Protein backbone atom coordinates (compact mmCIF):
# COMPACT_ATOMS: atom_id res chain seq x y z
CA MET A 1 9.31 -17.14 16.20
CA SER A 2 7.65 -17.86 12.86
CA GLU A 3 8.01 -20.72 10.45
CA GLY A 4 8.02 -20.28 6.67
CA TYR A 5 8.88 -22.14 3.49
CA CYS A 6 12.31 -21.68 1.88
CA VAL A 7 12.03 -22.05 -1.90
CA LYS A 8 15.76 -22.74 -2.29
CA CYS A 9 16.00 -25.44 0.41
CA LYS A 10 12.48 -26.70 -0.45
CA ALA A 11 11.66 -27.16 3.23
CA LYS A 12 9.89 -25.45 6.12
CA LYS A 13 12.33 -23.53 8.29
CA GLU A 14 12.28 -21.07 11.16
CA ILE A 15 12.53 -17.50 9.77
CA ALA A 16 15.73 -15.85 11.03
CA GLU A 17 15.93 -12.06 11.59
CA ALA A 18 12.14 -11.89 11.25
CA VAL A 19 10.52 -8.46 10.95
CA GLU A 20 6.77 -7.88 10.84
CA GLU A 21 5.71 -5.57 8.00
CA VAL A 22 2.46 -4.20 6.57
CA MET A 23 1.97 -4.66 2.83
CA LYS A 24 0.39 -2.09 0.49
CA ASN A 25 -2.99 -3.83 0.67
CA GLY A 26 -2.99 -3.52 4.49
CA ARG A 27 -2.18 -7.15 5.33
CA LYS A 28 0.51 -8.17 7.78
CA ALA A 29 3.54 -10.20 6.71
CA ILE A 30 6.80 -11.47 8.18
CA LYS A 31 10.03 -11.00 6.26
CA GLY A 32 13.34 -12.58 7.20
CA LYS A 33 16.08 -14.95 6.05
CA CYS A 34 16.52 -18.69 5.81
CA PRO A 35 18.95 -19.77 8.55
CA THR A 36 20.59 -22.36 6.25
CA CYS A 37 21.05 -20.63 2.87
CA GLY A 38 20.32 -16.96 3.63
CA VAL A 39 17.60 -16.50 0.98
CA VAL A 40 14.86 -13.98 1.85
CA MET A 41 11.72 -15.65 3.20
CA PHE A 42 8.31 -13.96 3.22
CA LYS A 43 5.22 -15.20 5.03
CA ILE A 44 1.82 -13.51 4.62
CA LEU A 45 -0.21 -13.43 7.84
CA GLY A 46 -3.99 -13.38 8.05
CA GLY A 47 -6.09 -10.29 8.64
CA LYS A 48 -5.79 -6.62 7.82
CA VAL A 49 -4.40 -3.93 10.08
CA ALA A 50 -7.16 -1.96 11.82
CA ALA A 51 -7.43 1.71 10.85
CA SER A 52 -6.53 4.18 13.56
CA SER A 53 -9.34 6.24 15.11
CA SER A 54 -7.69 9.56 14.17
CA SER A 55 -7.89 8.84 10.46
CA SER A 56 -11.58 7.90 10.61
CA SER A 57 -12.56 11.32 11.96
CA ALA A 58 -10.87 13.18 9.09
CA PRO A 59 -13.09 14.03 6.10
CA ALA A 60 -12.66 11.83 3.06
CA ALA A 61 -10.64 13.39 0.24
CA GLN A 62 -12.23 13.54 -3.18
CA PRO A 63 -10.44 11.87 -6.08
CA PRO A 64 -8.73 14.27 -8.49
CA GLY A 65 -10.97 15.66 -11.20
CA THR A 66 -14.17 15.59 -9.10
CA GLU A 67 -14.03 19.10 -7.63
CA THR A 68 -17.44 20.75 -7.31
CA ALA A 69 -16.56 24.36 -6.42
CA ASN A 70 -16.52 26.78 -9.43
CA PRO A 71 -14.74 24.79 -12.13
CA ALA A 72 -12.63 26.87 -14.53
CA PRO A 73 -13.88 27.07 -18.14
CA ALA A 74 -12.36 24.47 -20.43
CA SER A 75 -11.50 26.98 -23.16
CA PRO A 76 -11.68 30.79 -23.44
CA ASP A 77 -14.64 32.37 -25.23
CA PRO A 78 -13.64 32.72 -28.92
CA ALA A 79 -15.91 35.79 -29.40
CA ALA A 80 -14.11 37.71 -26.64
CA SER A 81 -10.62 37.15 -28.06
CA SER A 82 -11.34 37.91 -31.77
CA PRO A 83 -10.41 41.41 -33.03
CA ALA A 84 -13.38 43.71 -33.83
């Protein structure tokens, strides 16, 4: 399977119960256990995961606070609410 470094044993070992995961930044990694001591081992793999074609055809969402369609007034008109 995959070989990683165990920080407890201080040696390179084969990763037991290895599972491939995708990190938040889009990179692949392998997570498993050391076969000797059982400590969690984590190995970062090269390259990012390619984006699927269905997500590229969707329009990009605007960040919050950047709406362009008829923004509401920040505060009500003080002349309209004062008694006459």
